[in-house]
Amino acid sequence: MILTTLGLGLLGAAVLALGAPLFRRDARPAVTSGATRRDGAQEVYWEARLLAACSGNRAALERRVNGKARQFPGMKRWQLMRLAYLDVTARRPAPTR
């Protein structure tokens, strides 16, 4: 009984000593939070909306986003996609004769 308890104690200590590096905070990949996480979510959201508005044509999506990037340098990609989406879905009046 005493040998079993000592054996389990030594085994537990070895697991803790060897497993400690695996459970350190810096060993795990960082989960983004704050502005970075929101930017990623916004990009996914607007890309899906713009892709649907472009009927699934990813080349058209990229052309529109690249055109907006030339117009508005320095803006984030999701902001450019939002502007492109607003252009694609704009309701323009029918031309009069």
N, C-alpha and C. Protein backbone atom coordinates (compact mmCIF):
# COMPACT_ATOMS: atom_id res chain seq x y z
N MET A 1 0.82 -1.19 0.00
CA MET A 1 0.00 0.00 0.00
C MET A 1 0.87 1.26 0.00
N ILE A 2 1.90 1.23 0.83
CA ILE A 2 2.78 2.39 0.92
C ILE A 2 3.57 2.53 -0.38
N LEU A 3 4.00 1.41 -0.93
CA LEU A 3 4.74 1.47 -2.20
C LEU A 3 3.87 1.98 -3.34
N THR A 4 2.60 1.60 -3.36
CA THR A 4 1.68 2.07 -4.39
C THR A 4 1.47 3.57 -4.28
N THR A 5 1.28 4.06 -3.06
CA THR A 5 1.09 5.49 -2.83
C THR A 5 2.33 6.27 -3.25
N LEU A 6 3.50 5.76 -2.86
CA LEU A 6 4.74 6.43 -3.26
C LEU A 6 4.92 6.41 -4.78
N GLY A 7 4.60 5.29 -5.39
CA GLY A 7 4.71 5.18 -6.84
C GLY A 7 3.79 6.15 -7.55
N LEU A 8 2.55 6.24 -7.09
CA LEU A 8 1.61 7.19 -7.70
C LEU A 8 2.04 8.63 -7.46
N GLY A 9 2.59 8.89 -6.28
CA GLY A 9 3.09 10.24 -5.98
C GLY A 9 4.23 10.62 -6.90
N LEU A 10 5.16 9.70 -7.11
CA LEU A 10 6.28 9.97 -8.02
C LEU A 10 5.81 10.13 -9.46
N LEU A 11 4.86 9.31 -9.85
CA LEU A 11 4.32 9.42 -11.19
C LEU A 11 3.62 10.76 -11.40
N GLY A 12 2.85 11.19 -10.42
CA GLY A 12 2.18 12.50 -10.49
C GLY A 12 3.17 13.64 -10.55
N ALA A 13 4.24 13.55 -9.77
CA ALA A 13 5.26 14.61 -9.78
C ALA A 13 5.95 14.66 -11.13
N ALA A 14 6.21 13.50 -11.72
CA ALA A 14 6.86 13.47 -13.03
C ALA A 14 5.95 14.07 -14.11
N VAL A 15 4.67 13.76 -14.04
CA VAL A 15 3.73 14.33 -15.01
C VAL A 15 3.67 15.84 -14.87
N LEU A 16 3.62 16.32 -13.64
CA LEU A 16 3.59 17.78 -13.43
C LEU A 16 4.87 18.44 -13.91
N ALA A 17 6.00 17.81 -13.65
CA ALA A 17 7.28 18.40 -14.04
C ALA A 17 7.44 18.42 -15.56
N LEU A 18 7.05 17.33 -16.21
CA LEU A 18 7.20 17.26 -17.67
C LEU A 18 6.07 17.98 -18.40
N GLY A 19 4.90 18.05 -17.80
CA GLY A 19 3.76 18.67 -18.46
C GLY A 19 3.68 20.17 -18.26
N ALA A 20 4.46 20.70 -17.33
CA ALA A 20 4.40 22.14 -17.05
C ALA A 20 4.69 23.00 -18.28
N PRO A 21 5.71 22.66 -19.09
CA PRO A 21 5.95 23.49 -20.29
C PRO A 21 4.78 23.49 -21.27
N LEU A 22 4.00 22.42 -21.28
CA LEU A 22 2.87 22.36 -22.21
C LEU A 22 1.72 23.26 -21.78
N PHE A 23 1.61 23.51 -20.47
CA PHE A 23 0.47 24.27 -19.97
C PHE A 23 0.81 25.72 -19.66
N ARG A 24 2.02 26.13 -20.00
CA ARG A 24 2.35 27.55 -19.79
C ARG A 24 1.55 28.42 -20.74
N ARG A 25 1.29 29.62 -20.34
CA ARG A 25 0.46 30.54 -21.12
C ARG A 25 1.12 30.88 -22.46
N ASP A 26 2.42 31.07 -22.48
CA ASP A 26 3.08 31.48 -23.73
C ASP A 26 3.29 30.32 -24.69
N ALA A 27 3.08 29.09 -24.25
CA ALA A 27 3.25 27.94 -25.14
C ALA A 27 2.03 27.76 -26.04
N ARG A 28 0.87 28.23 -25.59
CA ARG A 28 -0.35 28.10 -26.38
C ARG A 28 -0.42 29.22 -27.40
N PRO A 29 -1.03 28.97 -28.54
CA PRO A 29 -1.18 30.06 -29.52
C PRO A 29 -2.10 31.14 -28.96
N ALA A 30 -1.75 32.35 -29.22
CA ALA A 30 -2.53 33.48 -28.70
C ALA A 30 -3.85 33.60 -29.45
N VAL A 31 -4.90 33.75 -28.72
CA VAL A 31 -6.21 34.01 -29.32
C VAL A 31 -6.33 35.51 -29.45
N THR A 32 -6.58 35.96 -30.65
CA THR A 32 -6.67 37.40 -30.86
C THR A 32 -7.89 37.95 -30.15
N SER A 33 -7.77 39.16 -29.70
CA SER A 33 -8.89 39.80 -29.03
C SER A 33 -8.86 41.27 -29.37
N GLY A 34 -9.93 41.93 -29.06
CA GLY A 34 -9.97 43.36 -29.29
C GLY A 34 -10.12 43.71 -30.76
N ALA A 35 -9.40 44.73 -31.18
CA ALA A 35 -9.55 45.27 -32.53
C ALA A 35 -9.16 44.25 -33.60
N THR A 36 -8.14 43.46 -33.35
CA THR A 36 -7.70 42.48 -34.35
C THR A 36 -8.78 41.45 -34.60
N ARG A 37 -9.41 40.99 -33.54
CA ARG A 37 -10.48 40.00 -33.69
C ARG A 37 -11.68 40.61 -34.42
N ARG A 38 -12.01 41.84 -34.10
CA ARG A 38 -13.14 42.49 -34.76
C ARG A 38 -12.86 42.71 -36.24
N ASP A 39 -11.62 43.09 -36.58
CA ASP A 39 -11.27 43.28 -37.99
C ASP A 39 -11.42 41.98 -38.77
N GLY A 40 -10.99 40.88 -38.17
CA GLY A 40 -11.13 39.59 -38.84
C GLY A 40 -12.58 39.21 -39.05
N ALA A 41 -13.40 39.47 -38.05
CA ALA A 41 -14.83 39.15 -38.17
C ALA A 41 -15.49 40.05 -39.21
N GLN A 42 -15.13 41.31 -39.23
CA GLN A 42 -15.69 42.23 -40.22
C GLN A 42 -15.30 41.81 -41.63
N GLU A 43 -14.04 41.37 -41.78
CA GLU A 43 -13.59 40.97 -43.11
C GLU A 43 -14.37 39.76 -43.62
N VAL A 44 -14.59 38.79 -42.75
CA VAL A 44 -15.35 37.60 -43.15
C VAL A 44 -16.78 37.99 -43.51
N TYR A 45 -17.38 38.85 -42.70
CA TYR A 45 -18.76 39.27 -42.92
C TYR A 45 -18.92 39.99 -44.26
N TRP A 46 -18.07 41.00 -44.50
CA TRP A 46 -18.23 41.79 -45.72
C TRP A 46 -17.80 41.01 -46.97
N GLU A 47 -16.84 40.10 -46.80
CA GLU A 47 -16.45 39.30 -47.96
C GLU A 47 -17.61 38.38 -48.38
N ALA A 48 -18.29 37.81 -47.41
CA ALA A 48 -19.43 36.95 -47.74
C ALA A 48 -20.54 37.75 -48.41
N ARG A 49 -20.83 38.94 -47.90
CA ARG A 49 -21.89 39.76 -48.51
C ARG A 49 -21.52 40.20 -49.91
N LEU A 50 -20.26 40.63 -50.09
CA LEU A 50 -19.83 41.10 -51.41
C LEU A 50 -19.76 39.94 -52.40
N LEU A 51 -19.31 38.78 -51.94
CA LEU A 51 -19.26 37.62 -52.82
C LEU A 51 -20.66 37.22 -53.28
N ALA A 52 -21.63 37.29 -52.38
CA ALA A 52 -23.01 36.99 -52.76
C ALA A 52 -23.53 38.03 -53.75
N ALA A 53 -23.18 39.29 -53.53
CA ALA A 53 -23.63 40.35 -54.43
C ALA A 53 -22.98 40.22 -55.81
N CYS A 54 -21.77 39.65 -55.86
CA CYS A 54 -21.08 39.44 -57.13
C CYS A 54 -21.42 38.08 -57.72
N SER A 55 -22.43 37.43 -57.23
CA SER A 55 -22.89 36.12 -57.71
C SER A 55 -21.80 35.05 -57.63
N GLY A 56 -21.00 35.12 -56.58
CA GLY A 56 -19.97 34.11 -56.38
C GLY A 56 -18.73 34.29 -57.22
N ASN A 57 -18.63 35.38 -57.94
CA ASN A 57 -17.47 35.62 -58.82
C ASN A 57 -16.36 36.28 -58.01
N ARG A 58 -15.39 35.46 -57.57
CA ARG A 58 -14.32 35.98 -56.71
C ARG A 58 -13.40 36.94 -57.46
N ALA A 59 -13.23 36.73 -58.76
CA ALA A 59 -12.38 37.64 -59.55
C ALA A 59 -13.00 39.03 -59.59
N ALA A 60 -14.33 39.08 -59.73
CA ALA A 60 -15.01 40.38 -59.72
C ALA A 60 -14.88 41.04 -58.36
N LEU A 61 -14.97 40.24 -57.30
CA LEU A 61 -14.81 40.76 -55.95
C LEU A 61 -13.43 41.40 -55.80
N GLU A 62 -12.39 40.68 -56.23
CA GLU A 62 -11.03 41.20 -56.10
C GLU A 62 -10.83 42.46 -56.94
N ARG A 63 -11.39 42.49 -58.14
CA ARG A 63 -11.27 43.70 -58.98
C ARG A 63 -11.91 44.90 -58.29
N ARG A 64 -13.07 44.69 -57.73
CA ARG A 64 -13.74 45.80 -57.06
C ARG A 64 -12.98 46.27 -55.83
N VAL A 65 -12.46 45.32 -55.04
CA VAL A 65 -11.72 45.69 -53.83
C VAL A 65 -10.41 46.39 -54.21
N ASN A 66 -9.73 45.89 -55.25
CA ASN A 66 -8.49 46.54 -55.68
C ASN A 66 -8.75 47.94 -56.23
N GLY A 67 -9.88 48.13 -56.92
CA GLY A 67 -10.24 49.46 -57.40
C GLY A 67 -10.50 50.42 -56.25
N LYS A 68 -11.17 49.92 -55.22
CA LYS A 68 -11.42 50.76 -54.05
C LYS A 68 -10.12 51.07 -53.31
N ALA A 69 -9.17 50.10 -53.31
CA ALA A 69 -7.89 50.32 -52.65
C ALA A 69 -7.11 51.44 -53.34
N ARG A 70 -7.26 51.54 -54.67
CA ARG A 70 -6.60 52.65 -55.38
C ARG A 70 -7.27 53.98 -55.05
N GLN A 71 -8.59 53.95 -54.87
CA GLN A 71 -9.31 55.19 -54.54
C GLN A 71 -9.04 55.64 -53.11
N PHE A 72 -8.97 54.67 -52.19
CA PHE A 72 -8.84 54.98 -50.77
C PHE A 72 -7.64 54.24 -50.18
N PRO A 73 -6.42 54.70 -50.44
CA PRO A 73 -5.25 54.01 -49.88
C PRO A 73 -5.24 54.14 -48.35
N GLY A 74 -4.80 53.09 -47.70
CA GLY A 74 -4.70 53.12 -46.24
C GLY A 74 -5.91 52.56 -45.51
N MET A 75 -6.99 52.29 -46.23
CA MET A 75 -8.16 51.71 -45.58
C MET A 75 -7.96 50.22 -45.40
N LYS A 76 -8.61 49.68 -44.40
CA LYS A 76 -8.54 48.24 -44.16
C LYS A 76 -9.34 47.51 -45.22
N ARG A 77 -8.97 46.23 -45.42
CA ARG A 77 -9.63 45.44 -46.47
C ARG A 77 -11.13 45.33 -46.25
N TRP A 78 -11.57 45.16 -45.00
CA TRP A 78 -13.00 45.02 -44.78
C TRP A 78 -13.73 46.32 -45.07
N GLN A 79 -13.08 47.44 -44.84
CA GLN A 79 -13.71 48.73 -45.17
C GLN A 79 -13.84 48.89 -46.68
N LEU A 80 -12.82 48.44 -47.41
CA LEU A 80 -12.90 48.49 -48.87
C LEU A 80 -14.00 47.58 -49.39
N MET A 81 -14.13 46.40 -48.79
CA MET A 81 -15.19 45.47 -49.21
C MET A 81 -16.57 46.06 -48.92
N ARG A 82 -16.68 46.76 -47.81
CA ARG A 82 -17.97 47.40 -47.48
C ARG A 82 -18.32 48.45 -48.52
N LEU A 83 -17.35 49.26 -48.91
CA LEU A 83 -17.61 50.28 -49.93
C LEU A 83 -17.96 49.64 -51.27
N ALA A 84 -17.24 48.58 -51.62
CA ALA A 84 -17.54 47.88 -52.88
C ALA A 84 -18.93 47.27 -52.83
N TYR A 85 -19.31 46.71 -51.69
CA TYR A 85 -20.64 46.12 -51.54
C TYR A 85 -21.72 47.20 -51.71
N LEU A 86 -21.48 48.35 -51.12
CA LEU A 86 -22.47 49.43 -51.25
C LEU A 86 -22.59 49.88 -52.70
N ASP A 87 -21.47 49.88 -53.44
CA ASP A 87 -21.53 50.23 -54.86
C ASP A 87 -22.30 49.18 -55.67
N VAL A 88 -22.04 47.92 -55.38
CA VAL A 88 -22.69 46.85 -56.13
C VAL A 88 -24.20 46.85 -55.89
N THR A 89 -24.60 47.09 -54.67
CA THR A 89 -26.02 46.98 -54.32
C THR A 89 -26.76 48.32 -54.36
N ALA A 90 -26.11 49.34 -54.86
CA ALA A 90 -26.74 50.66 -54.92
C ALA A 90 -27.96 50.60 -55.84
N ARG A 91 -29.02 51.20 -55.37
CA ARG A 91 -30.24 51.25 -56.20
C ARG A 91 -30.23 52.55 -56.97
N ARG A 92 -30.00 52.42 -58.24
CA ARG A 92 -29.95 53.61 -59.09
C ARG A 92 -31.24 53.71 -59.86
N PRO A 93 -31.72 54.89 -60.06
CA PRO A 93 -32.98 55.02 -60.83
C PRO A 93 -32.77 54.59 -62.30
N ALA A 94 -33.81 54.09 -62.88
CA ALA A 94 -33.74 53.69 -64.28
C ALA A 94 -33.51 54.91 -65.15
N PRO A 95 -32.71 54.78 -66.20
CA PRO A 95 -32.46 55.93 -67.06
C PRO A 95 -33.74 56.35 -67.80
N THR A 96 -33.94 57.64 -67.91
CA THR A 96 -35.12 58.16 -68.65
C THR A 96 -34.72 58.42 -70.09
N ARG A 97 -35.72 58.33 -70.94
CA ARG A 97 -35.44 58.52 -72.36
C ARG A 97 -35.53 59.94 -72.75
